[in-house]
Amino acid sequence: MPSEFERLYAELSLFVLKQRNRQRVADLSGLHLNTVCEVINGKRNPNLQTLIALERACNQIKSNLTISN
């Protein structure tokens, strides 16, 4: 059974891949685009701080999608 960290990591990766919004996530999270891409593509394991930054950025994007729909 995956941990909460692993579940969140998988959920965020899937969202970014489906939305094709790596640059937007990088801008909102304050992370470098290369970092976002490497984390999402599984080439780098995120630490907790990185995962939190990604989650905040994705939640902001999700909020904007909900408002515009």
Protein backbone atom coordinates (compact mmCIF):
# COMPACT_ATOMS: atom_id res chain seq x y z
CA MET A 1 0.00 0.00 0.00
CA PRO A 2 1.53 3.35 -1.02
CA SER A 3 2.23 5.99 1.57
CA GLU A 4 0.40 9.32 1.56
CA PHE A 5 3.57 10.91 0.14
CA GLU A 6 3.68 8.40 -2.74
CA ARG A 7 -0.04 8.77 -3.42
CA LEU A 8 0.22 12.56 -3.58
CA TYR A 9 3.32 12.37 -5.77
CA ALA A 10 1.52 10.09 -8.24
CA GLU A 11 -1.61 12.27 -8.22
CA LEU A 12 0.35 15.47 -8.88
CA SER A 13 2.43 13.84 -11.62
CA LEU A 14 -0.69 12.62 -13.39
CA PHE A 15 -2.35 16.04 -13.15
CA VAL A 16 0.68 17.83 -14.61
CA LEU A 17 1.04 15.27 -17.40
CA LYS A 18 -2.66 15.46 -18.33
CA GLN A 19 -2.83 19.25 -18.23
CA ARG A 20 0.50 19.69 -20.05
CA ASN A 21 1.29 22.64 -17.84
CA ARG A 22 4.84 22.10 -16.60
CA GLN A 23 5.85 25.72 -17.17
CA ARG A 24 2.82 27.04 -15.29
CA VAL A 25 3.52 24.68 -12.39
CA ALA A 26 7.15 25.79 -12.35
CA ASP A 27 6.14 29.46 -12.32
CA LEU A 28 3.58 29.04 -9.54
CA SER A 29 5.72 26.74 -7.40
CA GLY A 30 8.92 28.76 -7.64
CA LEU A 31 10.73 25.66 -8.88
CA HIS A 32 12.91 25.54 -11.96
CA LEU A 33 11.25 24.02 -15.02
CA ASN A 34 13.94 21.32 -15.18
CA THR A 35 13.17 20.32 -11.60
CA VAL A 36 9.45 20.05 -12.33
CA CYS A 37 10.10 17.99 -15.46
CA GLU A 38 12.55 15.64 -13.73
CA VAL A 39 10.18 15.08 -10.80
CA ILE A 40 7.13 14.53 -13.02
CA ASN A 41 9.05 12.16 -15.31
CA GLY A 42 10.37 10.15 -12.34
CA LYS A 43 14.01 11.09 -12.90
CA ARG A 44 14.24 12.85 -9.54
CA ASN A 45 12.62 11.98 -6.24
CA PRO A 46 11.04 15.04 -4.64
CA ASN A 47 11.66 15.97 -1.05
CA LEU A 48 8.73 17.08 1.10
CA GLN A 49 9.34 20.78 0.43
CA THR A 50 9.29 20.23 -3.35
CA LEU A 51 6.15 18.12 -3.15
CA ILE A 52 4.39 20.81 -1.12
CA ALA A 53 5.37 23.47 -3.66
CA LEU A 54 4.04 21.29 -6.49
CA GLU A 55 0.81 20.62 -4.61
CA ARG A 56 0.19 24.31 -3.99
CA ALA A 57 0.81 25.14 -7.65
CA CYS A 58 -1.49 22.34 -8.86
CA ASN A 59 -4.22 23.36 -6.42
CA GLN A 60 -4.04 26.93 -7.70
CA ILE A 61 -4.34 25.69 -11.30
CA LYS A 62 -7.26 23.44 -10.33
CA SER A 63 -8.99 26.41 -8.68
CA ASN A 64 -8.57 28.49 -11.83
CA LEU A 65 -9.92 25.64 -13.97
CA THR A 66 -12.99 25.33 -11.75
CA ILE A 67 -13.66 29.09 -11.86
CA SER A 68 -13.33 29.29 -15.65
CA ASN A 69 -15.62 26.29 -16.26
